[in-house]
Amino acid sequence: MVALRKMFVDKEYRGAKVGVAYRLLKHALAWAKEKAIHQLFLGTTTQFLAAHKFYEKNGFTKLEKEELPSTFPLVKVDKIFYKLYIR
């Protein structure tokens, strides 16, 4: 299990046209595969709607806070949580 702790992309580099966030995520997933990690968790705030769409578009599914692993590093502002199975 791995927790993705905050991934921010500067405003001018956001969006599918530039693809920075997508490349960062793919790099993180490749690293996780190398380390034989099969699950990735993350938390985000309610205001980052574009981030929610990005995560869901890339295979993440929402889960309740209570479904997080007990070792997940909670951040007080995070209210929405996601999980991704890494294949």
PDB file of N, CA and C in Angstrom:
ATOM      1  N   MET A   1       0.845  -1.173   0.000  1.00  0.00           N
ATOM      2  CA  MET A   1       0.000   0.000   0.000  1.00  0.00           C
ATOM      3  C   MET A   1       0.884   1.227   0.000  1.00  0.00           C
ATOM      4  N   VAL A   2       0.508   2.174  -0.836  1.00  0.00           N
ATOM      5  CA  VAL A   2       1.208   3.460  -0.917  1.00  0.00           C
ATOM      6  C   VAL A   2       0.170   4.567  -0.884  1.00  0.00           C
ATOM      7  N   ALA A   3       0.532   5.659  -0.230  1.00  0.00           N
ATOM      8  CA  ALA A   3      -0.329   6.847  -0.218  1.00  0.00           C
ATOM      9  C   ALA A   3       0.337   7.909  -1.068  1.00  0.00           C
ATOM     10  N   LEU A   4      -0.391   8.419  -2.033  1.00  0.00           N
ATOM     11  CA  LEU A   4       0.085   9.532  -2.855  1.00  0.00           C
ATOM     12  C   LEU A   4      -0.226  10.804  -2.085  1.00  0.00           C
ATOM     13  N   ARG A   5       0.802  11.499  -1.674  1.00  0.00           N
ATOM     14  CA  ARG A   5       0.633  12.686  -0.838  1.00  0.00           C
ATOM     15  C   ARG A   5       0.809  13.943  -1.663  1.00  0.00           C
ATOM     16  N   LYS A   6      -0.254  14.506  -2.066  1.00  0.00           N
ATOM     17  CA  LYS A   6      -0.287  15.808  -2.722  1.00  0.00           C
ATOM     18  C   LYS A   6       0.501  15.848  -4.032  1.00  0.00           C
ATOM     19  N   MET A   7      -0.234  15.994  -5.091  1.00  0.00           N
ATOM     20  CA  MET A   7       0.348  16.154  -6.413  1.00  0.00           C
ATOM     21  C   MET A   7      -0.251  17.430  -7.004  1.00  0.00           C
ATOM     22  N   PHE A   8       0.563  18.439  -7.139  1.00  0.00           N
ATOM     23  CA  PHE A   8       0.101  19.713  -7.683  1.00  0.00           C
ATOM     24  C   PHE A   8       0.841  20.016  -8.975  1.00  0.00           C
ATOM     25  N   VAL A   9       0.117  20.560  -9.940  1.00  0.00           N
ATOM     26  CA  VAL A   9       0.698  20.982 -11.214  1.00  0.00           C
ATOM     27  C   VAL A   9       0.356  22.449 -11.396  1.00  0.00           C
ATOM     28  N   ASP A  10       1.352  23.248 -11.738  1.00  0.00           N
ATOM     29  CA  ASP A  10       1.149  24.670 -11.956  1.00  0.00           C
ATOM     30  C   ASP A  10       0.057  24.887 -13.003  1.00  0.00           C
ATOM     31  N   LYS A  11      -0.724  25.938 -12.801  1.00  0.00           N
ATOM     32  CA  LYS A  11      -1.896  26.217 -13.636  1.00  0.00           C
ATOM     33  C   LYS A  11      -1.595  26.178 -15.139  1.00  0.00           C
ATOM     34  N   GLU A  12      -0.483  26.749 -15.554  1.00  0.00           N
ATOM     35  CA  GLU A  12      -0.193  26.800 -16.991  1.00  0.00           C
ATOM     36  C   GLU A  12       0.198  25.448 -17.586  1.00  0.00           C
ATOM     37  N   TYR A  13       0.430  24.441 -16.729  1.00  0.00           N
ATOM     38  CA  TYR A  13       0.808  23.113 -17.214  1.00  0.00           C
ATOM     39  C   TYR A  13      -0.291  22.074 -17.013  1.00  0.00           C
ATOM     40  N   ARG A  14      -1.472  22.511 -16.636  1.00  0.00           N
ATOM     41  CA  ARG A  14      -2.588  21.593 -16.402  1.00  0.00           C
ATOM     42  C   ARG A  14      -3.320  21.276 -17.696  1.00  0.00           C
ATOM     43  N   GLY A  15      -4.061  20.197 -17.654  1.00  0.00           N
ATOM     44  CA  GLY A  15      -4.907  19.826 -18.785  1.00  0.00           C
ATOM     45  C   GLY A  15      -4.297  18.738 -19.646  1.00  0.00           C
ATOM     46  N   ALA A  16      -5.171  18.057 -20.372  1.00  0.00           N
ATOM     47  CA  ALA A  16      -4.754  16.935 -21.208  1.00  0.00           C
ATOM     48  C   ALA A  16      -3.824  17.357 -22.329  1.00  0.00           C
ATOM     49  N   LYS A  17      -3.972  18.576 -22.788  1.00  0.00           N
ATOM     50  CA  LYS A  17      -3.146  19.048 -23.905  1.00  0.00           C
ATOM     51  C   LYS A  17      -1.658  19.014 -23.562  1.00  0.00           C
ATOM     52  N   VAL A  18      -1.314  19.413 -22.343  1.00  0.00           N
ATOM     53  CA  VAL A  18       0.080  19.409 -21.900  1.00  0.00           C
ATOM     54  C   VAL A  18       0.454  18.048 -21.318  1.00  0.00           C
ATOM     55  N   GLY A  19      -0.431  17.475 -20.512  1.00  0.00           N
ATOM     56  CA  GLY A  19      -0.250  16.117 -20.016  1.00  0.00           C
ATOM     57  C   GLY A  19       0.735  15.934 -18.875  1.00  0.00           C
ATOM     58  N   VAL A  20       1.082  16.998 -18.169  1.00  0.00           N
ATOM     59  CA  VAL A  20       2.063  16.874 -17.091  1.00  0.00           C
ATOM     60  C   VAL A  20       1.544  15.979 -15.964  1.00  0.00           C
ATOM     61  N   ALA A  21       0.331  16.203 -15.505  1.00  0.00           N
ATOM     62  CA  ALA A  21      -0.214  15.404 -14.409  1.00  0.00           C
ATOM     63  C   ALA A  21      -0.294  13.932 -14.805  1.00  0.00           C
ATOM     64  N   TYR A  22      -0.705  13.673 -16.027  1.00  0.00           N
ATOM     65  CA  TYR A  22      -0.798  12.295 -16.508  1.00  0.00           C
ATOM     66  C   TYR A  22       0.581  11.630 -16.495  1.00  0.00           C
ATOM     67  N   ARG A  23       1.581  12.342 -16.965  1.00  0.00           N
ATOM     68  CA  ARG A  23       2.942  11.780 -16.985  1.00  0.00           C
ATOM     69  C   ARG A  23       3.472  11.565 -15.566  1.00  0.00           C
ATOM     70  N   LEU A  24       3.183  12.485 -14.646  1.00  0.00           N
ATOM     71  CA  LEU A  24       3.598  12.309 -13.254  1.00  0.00           C
ATOM     72  C   LEU A  24       2.938  11.072 -12.646  1.00  0.00           C
ATOM     73  N   LEU A  25       1.646  10.906 -12.902  1.00  0.00           N
ATOM     74  CA  LEU A  25       0.939   9.746 -12.377  1.00  0.00           C
ATOM     75  C   LEU A  25       1.507   8.463 -12.966  1.00  0.00           C
ATOM     76  N   LYS A  26       1.735   8.434 -14.261  1.00  0.00           N
ATOM     77  CA  LYS A  26       2.271   7.230 -14.898  1.00  0.00           C
ATOM     78  C   LYS A  26       3.659   6.895 -14.349  1.00  0.00           C
ATOM     79  N   HIS A  27       4.445   7.906 -14.080  1.00  0.00           N
ATOM     80  CA  HIS A  27       5.771   7.696 -13.490  1.00  0.00           C
ATOM     81  C   HIS A  27       5.625   7.087 -12.085  1.00  0.00           C
ATOM     82  N   ALA A  28       4.705   7.611 -11.293  1.00  0.00           N
ATOM     83  CA  ALA A  28       4.472   7.081  -9.948  1.00  0.00           C
ATOM     84  C   ALA A  28       3.986   5.634 -10.010  1.00  0.00           C
ATOM     85  N   LEU A  29       3.119   5.330 -10.969  1.00  0.00           N
ATOM     86  CA  LEU A  29       2.608   3.964 -11.105  1.00  0.00           C
ATOM     87  C   LEU A  29       3.699   3.003 -11.559  1.00  0.00           C
ATOM     88  N   ALA A  30       4.563   3.451 -12.440  1.00  0.00           N
ATOM     89  CA  ALA A  30       5.687   2.611 -12.881  1.00  0.00           C
ATOM     90  C   ALA A  30       6.601   2.305 -11.694  1.00  0.00           C
ATOM     91  N   TRP A  31       6.855   3.309 -10.869  1.00  0.00           N
ATOM     92  CA  TRP A  31       7.675   3.112  -9.675  1.00  0.00           C
ATOM     93  C   TRP A  31       7.016   2.089  -8.751  1.00  0.00           C
ATOM     94  N   ALA A  32       5.698   2.234  -8.552  1.00  0.00           N
ATOM     95  CA  ALA A  32       4.973   1.317  -7.673  1.00  0.00           C
ATOM     96  C   ALA A  32       5.047  -0.119  -8.199  1.00  0.00           C
ATOM     97  N   LYS A  33       4.913  -0.279  -9.505  1.00  0.00           N
ATOM     98  CA  LYS A  33       5.012  -1.624 -10.092  1.00  0.00           C
ATOM     99  C   LYS A  33       6.384  -2.228  -9.854  1.00  0.00           C
ATOM    100  N   GLU A  34       7.425  -1.421 -10.016  1.00  0.00           N
ATOM    101  CA  GLU A  34       8.795  -1.894  -9.756  1.00  0.00           C
ATOM    102  C   GLU A  34       8.958  -2.379  -8.329  1.00  0.00           C
ATOM    103  N   LYS A  35       8.249  -1.757  -7.414  1.00  0.00           N
ATOM    104  CA  LYS A  35       8.340  -2.092  -5.989  1.00  0.00           C
ATOM    105  C   LYS A  35       7.300  -3.133  -5.572  1.00  0.00           C
ATOM    106  N   ALA A  36       6.588  -3.686  -6.545  1.00  0.00           N
ATOM    107  CA  ALA A  36       5.548  -4.703  -6.298  1.00  0.00           C
ATOM    108  C   ALA A  36       4.440  -4.189  -5.384  1.00  0.00           C
ATOM    109  N   ILE A  37       4.067  -2.938  -5.551  1.00  0.00           N
ATOM    110  CA  ILE A  37       2.979  -2.332  -4.797  1.00  0.00           C
ATOM    111  C   ILE A  37       1.704  -2.488  -5.625  1.00  0.00           C
ATOM    112  N   HIS A  38       0.635  -2.915  -4.981  1.00  0.00           N
ATOM    113  CA  HIS A  38      -0.587  -3.232  -5.715  1.00  0.00           C
ATOM    114  C   HIS A  38      -1.757  -2.295  -5.451  1.00  0.00           C
ATOM    115  N   GLN A  39      -1.613  -1.399  -4.481  1.00  0.00           N
ATOM    116  CA  GLN A  39      -2.695  -0.473  -4.176  1.00  0.00           C
ATOM    117  C   GLN A  39      -2.124   0.911  -3.894  1.00  0.00           C
ATOM    118  N   LEU A  40      -2.809   1.914  -4.418  1.00  0.00           N
ATOM    119  CA  LEU A  40      -2.410   3.292  -4.180  1.00  0.00           C
ATOM    120  C   LEU A  40      -3.629   4.033  -3.652  1.00  0.00           C
ATOM    121  N   PHE A  41      -3.436   4.786  -2.581  1.00  0.00           N
ATOM    122  CA  PHE A  41      -4.512   5.556  -1.961  1.00  0.00           C
ATOM    123  C   PHE A  41      -4.151   7.029  -1.972  1.00  0.00           C
ATOM    124  N   LEU A  42      -5.177   7.871  -2.002  1.00  0.00           N
ATOM    125  CA  LEU A  42      -4.927   9.306  -1.889  1.00  0.00           C
ATOM    126  C   LEU A  42      -6.144   9.994  -1.310  1.00  0.00           C
ATOM    127  N   GLY A  43      -5.891  11.170  -0.765  1.00  0.00           N
ATOM    128  CA  GLY A  43      -6.955  12.009  -0.249  1.00  0.00           C
ATOM    129  C   GLY A  43      -6.877  13.370  -0.919  1.00  0.00           C
ATOM    130  N   THR A  44      -8.011  14.016  -1.049  1.00  0.00           N
ATOM    131  CA  THR A  44      -8.061  15.338  -1.660  1.00  0.00           C
ATOM    132  C   THR A  44      -9.201  16.143  -1.015  1.00  0.00           C
ATOM    133  N   THR A  45      -9.213  17.411  -1.316  1.00  0.00           N
ATOM    134  CA  THR A  45     -10.252  18.271  -0.756  1.00  0.00           C
ATOM    135  C   THR A  45     -11.476  18.278  -1.677  1.00  0.00           C
ATOM    136  N   THR A  46     -12.564  18.801  -1.180  1.00  0.00           N
ATOM    137  CA  THR A  46     -13.794  18.844  -1.973  1.00  0.00           C
ATOM    138  C   THR A  46     -13.723  19.879  -3.088  1.00  0.00           C
ATOM    139  N   GLN A  47     -12.862  20.866  -2.971  1.00  0.00           N
ATOM    140  CA  GLN A  47     -12.828  21.965  -3.942  1.00  0.00           C
ATOM    141  C   GLN A  47     -12.102  21.632  -5.245  1.00  0.00           C
ATOM    142  N   PHE A  48     -11.266  20.613  -5.278  1.00  0.00           N
ATOM    143  CA  PHE A  48     -10.477  20.315  -6.475  1.00  0.00           C
ATOM    144  C   PHE A  48     -11.244  19.392  -7.428  1.00  0.00           C
ATOM    145  N   LEU A  49     -12.300  19.929  -8.022  1.00  0.00           N
ATOM    146  CA  LEU A  49     -13.169  19.123  -8.889  1.00  0.00           C
ATOM    147  C   LEU A  49     -12.435  18.562 -10.105  1.00  0.00           C
ATOM    148  N   ALA A  50     -11.548  19.344 -10.688  1.00  0.00           N
ATOM    149  CA  ALA A  50     -10.794  18.855 -11.849  1.00  0.00           C
ATOM    150  C   ALA A  50      -9.899  17.685 -11.448  1.00  0.00           C
ATOM    151  N   ALA A  51      -9.352  17.743 -10.251  1.00  0.00           N
ATOM    152  CA  ALA A  51      -8.522  16.636  -9.761  1.00  0.00           C
ATOM    153  C   ALA A  51      -9.366  15.377  -9.590  1.00  0.00           C
ATOM    154  N   HIS A  52     -10.583  15.533  -9.076  1.00  0.00           N
ATOM    155  CA  HIS A  52     -11.471  14.380  -8.909  1.00  0.00           C
ATOM    156  C   HIS A  52     -11.712  13.717 -10.261  1.00  0.00           C
ATOM    157  N   LYS A  53     -11.998  14.525 -11.276  1.00  0.00           N
ATOM    158  CA  LYS A  53     -12.233  13.993 -12.626  1.00  0.00           C
ATOM    159  C   LYS A  53     -10.977  13.292 -13.161  1.00  0.00           C
ATOM    160  N   PHE A  54      -9.828  13.908 -12.917  1.00  0.00           N
ATOM    161  CA  PHE A  54      -8.562  13.329 -13.367  1.00  0.00           C
ATOM    162  C   PHE A  54      -8.346  11.949 -12.736  1.00  0.00           C
ATOM    163  N   TYR A  55      -8.523  11.848 -11.429  1.00  0.00           N
ATOM    164  CA  TYR A  55      -8.312  10.567 -10.751  1.00  0.00           C
ATOM    165  C   TYR A  55      -9.292   9.520 -11.261  1.00  0.00           C
ATOM    166  N   GLU A  56     -10.549   9.877 -11.380  1.00  0.00           N
ATOM    167  CA  GLU A  56     -11.559   8.926 -11.838  1.00  0.00           C
ATOM    168  C   GLU A  56     -11.305   8.501 -13.282  1.00  0.00           C
ATOM    169  N   LYS A  57     -10.893   9.439 -14.114  1.00  0.00           N
ATOM    170  CA  LYS A  57     -10.570   9.129 -15.513  1.00  0.00           C
ATOM    171  C   LYS A  57      -9.401   8.143 -15.602  1.00  0.00           C
ATOM    172  N   ASN A  58      -8.543   8.174 -14.597  1.00  0.00           N
ATOM    173  CA  ASN A  58      -7.361   7.317 -14.593  1.00  0.00           C
ATOM    174  C   ASN A  58      -7.513   6.076 -13.717  1.00  0.00           C
ATOM    175  N   GLY A  59      -8.765   5.693 -13.467  1.00  0.00           N
ATOM    176  CA  GLY A  59      -9.033   4.409 -12.838  1.00  0.00           C
ATOM    177  C   GLY A  59      -9.193   4.391 -11.330  1.00  0.00           C
ATOM    178  N   PHE A  60      -9.078   5.525 -10.673  1.00  0.00           N
ATOM    179  CA  PHE A  60      -9.274   5.573  -9.233  1.00  0.00           C
ATOM    180  C   PHE A  60     -10.763   5.469  -8.914  1.00  0.00           C
ATOM    181  N   THR A  61     -11.068   4.824  -7.809  1.00  0.00           N
ATOM    182  CA  THR A  61     -12.447   4.752  -7.344  1.00  0.00           C
ATOM    183  C   THR A  61     -12.531   5.399  -5.965  1.00  0.00           C
ATOM    184  N   LYS A  62     -13.650   6.065  -5.725  1.00  0.00           N
ATOM    185  CA  LYS A  62     -13.865   6.717  -4.429  1.00  0.00           C
ATOM    186  C   LYS A  62     -14.094   5.664  -3.351  1.00  0.00           C
ATOM    187  N   LEU A  63     -13.684   6.018  -2.155  1.00  0.00           N
ATOM    188  CA  LEU A  63     -13.991   5.186  -1.014  1.00  0.00           C
ATOM    189  C   LEU A  63     -14.202   6.065   0.206  1.00  0.00           C
ATOM    190  N   GLU A  64     -14.827   5.523   1.183  1.00  0.00           N
ATOM    191  CA  GLU A  64     -15.101   6.246   2.419  1.00  0.00           C
ATOM    192  C   GLU A  64     -13.853   6.273   3.288  1.00  0.00           C
ATOM    193  N   LYS A  65     -13.756   7.279   4.103  1.00  0.00           N
ATOM    194  CA  LYS A  65     -12.612   7.429   5.010  1.00  0.00           C
ATOM    195  C   LYS A  65     -12.416   6.158   5.848  1.00  0.00           C
ATOM    196  N   GLU A  66     -13.512   5.555   6.265  1.00  0.00           N
ATOM    197  CA  GLU A  66     -13.450   4.360   7.100  1.00  0.00           C
ATOM    198  C   GLU A  66     -12.872   3.146   6.358  1.00  0.00           C
ATOM    199  N   GLU A  67     -12.841   3.214   5.036  1.00  0.00           N
ATOM    200  CA  GLU A  67     -12.305   2.109   4.235  1.00  0.00           C
ATOM    201  C   GLU A  67     -10.798   2.218   4.015  1.00  0.00           C
ATOM    202  N   LEU A  68     -10.206   3.323   4.420  1.00  0.00           N
ATOM    203  CA  LEU A  68      -8.771   3.512   4.242  1.00  0.00           C
ATOM    204  C   LEU A  68      -7.999   2.565   5.157  1.00  0.00           C
ATOM    205  N   PRO A  69      -6.805   2.169   4.741  1.00  0.00           N
ATOM    206  CA  PRO A  69      -5.972   1.362   5.639  1.00  0.00           C
ATOM    207  C   PRO A  69      -5.671   2.151   6.922  1.00  0.00           C
ATOM    208  N   SER A  70      -5.496   1.459   8.001  1.00  0.00           N
ATOM    209  CA  SER A  70      -5.240   2.129   9.282  1.00  0.00           C
ATOM    210  C   SER A  70      -3.939   2.926   9.264  1.00  0.00           C
ATOM    211  N   THR A  71      -3.035   2.584   8.356  1.00  0.00           N
ATOM    212  CA  THR A  71      -1.749   3.281   8.268  1.00  0.00           C
ATOM    213  C   THR A  71      -1.774   4.478   7.317  1.00  0.00           C
ATOM    214  N   PHE A  72      -2.930   4.767   6.721  1.00  0.00           N
ATOM    215  CA  PHE A  72      -3.019   5.890   5.783  1.00  0.00           C
ATOM    216  C   PHE A  72      -2.750   7.203   6.517  1.00  0.00           C
ATOM    217  N   PRO A  73      -1.856   8.039   5.962  1.00  0.00           N
ATOM    218  CA  PRO A  73      -1.525   9.317   6.616  1.00  0.00           C
ATOM    219  C   PRO A  73      -2.588  10.379   6.340  1.00  0.00           C
ATOM    220  N   LEU A  74      -3.533  10.498   7.244  1.00  0.00           N
ATOM    221  CA  LEU A  74      -4.628  11.459   7.062  1.00  0.00           C
ATOM    222  C   LEU A  74      -4.131  12.898   7.131  1.00  0.00           C
ATOM    223  N   VAL A  75      -4.695  13.714   6.232  1.00  0.00           N
ATOM    224  CA  VAL A  75      -4.459  15.159   6.228  1.00  0.00           C
ATOM    225  C   VAL A  75      -5.805  15.790   6.563  1.00  0.00           C
ATOM    226  N   LYS A  76      -5.811  16.693   7.510  1.00  0.00           N
ATOM    227  CA  LYS A  76      -7.063  17.244   8.052  1.00  0.00           C
ATOM    228  C   LYS A  76      -8.008  17.795   6.981  1.00  0.00           C
ATOM    229  N   VAL A  77      -7.471  18.449   5.944  1.00  0.00           N
ATOM    230  CA  VAL A  77      -8.319  19.090   4.932  1.00  0.00           C
ATOM    231  C   VAL A  77      -8.914  18.103   3.924  1.00  0.00           C
ATOM    232  N   ASP A  78      -8.370  16.906   3.836  1.00  0.00           N
ATOM    233  CA  ASP A  78      -8.861  15.926   2.875  1.00  0.00           C
ATOM    234  C   ASP A  78     -10.190  15.333   3.337  1.00  0.00           C
ATOM    235  N   LYS A  79     -11.151  15.368   2.432  1.00  0.00           N
ATOM    236  CA  LYS A  79     -12.485  14.844   2.724  1.00  0.00           C
ATOM    237  C   LYS A  79     -12.931  13.789   1.724  1.00  0.00           C
ATOM    238  N   ILE A  80     -12.221  13.693   0.599  1.00  0.00           N
ATOM    239  CA  ILE A  80     -12.551  12.727  -0.450  1.00  0.00           C
ATOM    240  C   ILE A  80     -11.339  11.819  -0.626  1.00  0.00           C
ATOM    241  N   PHE A  81     -11.601  10.530  -0.733  1.00  0.00           N
ATOM    242  CA  PHE A  81     -10.514   9.563  -0.779  1.00  0.00           C
ATOM    243  C   PHE A  81     -10.697   8.635  -1.973  1.00  0.00           C
ATOM    244  N   TYR A  82      -9.560   8.211  -2.518  1.00  0.00           N
ATOM    245  CA  TYR A  82      -9.554   7.358  -3.703  1.00  0.00           C
ATOM    246  C   TYR A  82      -8.595   6.195  -3.516  1.00  0.00           C
ATOM    247  N   LYS A  83      -8.870   5.141  -4.281  1.00  0.00           N
ATOM    248  CA  LYS A  83      -8.031   3.950  -4.286  1.00  0.00           C
ATOM    249  C   LYS A  83      -7.832   3.515  -5.733  1.00  0.00           C
ATOM    250  N   LEU A  84      -6.650   3.007  -6.011  1.00  0.00           N
ATOM    251  CA  LEU A  84      -6.366   2.453  -7.333  1.00  0.00           C
ATOM    252  C   LEU A  84      -5.656   1.126  -7.155  1.00  0.00           C
ATOM    253  N   TYR A  85      -6.171   0.089  -7.814  1.00  0.00           N
ATOM    254  CA  TYR A  85      -5.462  -1.176  -7.867  1.00  0.00           C
ATOM    255  C   TYR A  85      -4.457  -1.088  -8.997  1.00  0.00           C
ATOM    256  N   ILE A  86      -3.221  -1.403  -8.708  1.00  0.00           N
ATOM    257  CA  ILE A  86      -2.157  -1.342  -9.709  1.00  0.00           C
ATOM    258  C   ILE A  86      -1.967  -2.733 -10.275  1.00  0.00           C
ATOM    259  N   ARG A  87      -2.073  -2.821 -11.569  1.00  0.00           N
ATOM    260  CA  ARG A  87      -1.942  -4.124 -12.241  1.00  0.00           C
ATOM    261  C   ARG A  87      -0.580  -4.266 -12.850  1.00  0.00           C
TER     262      ARG A  87
END
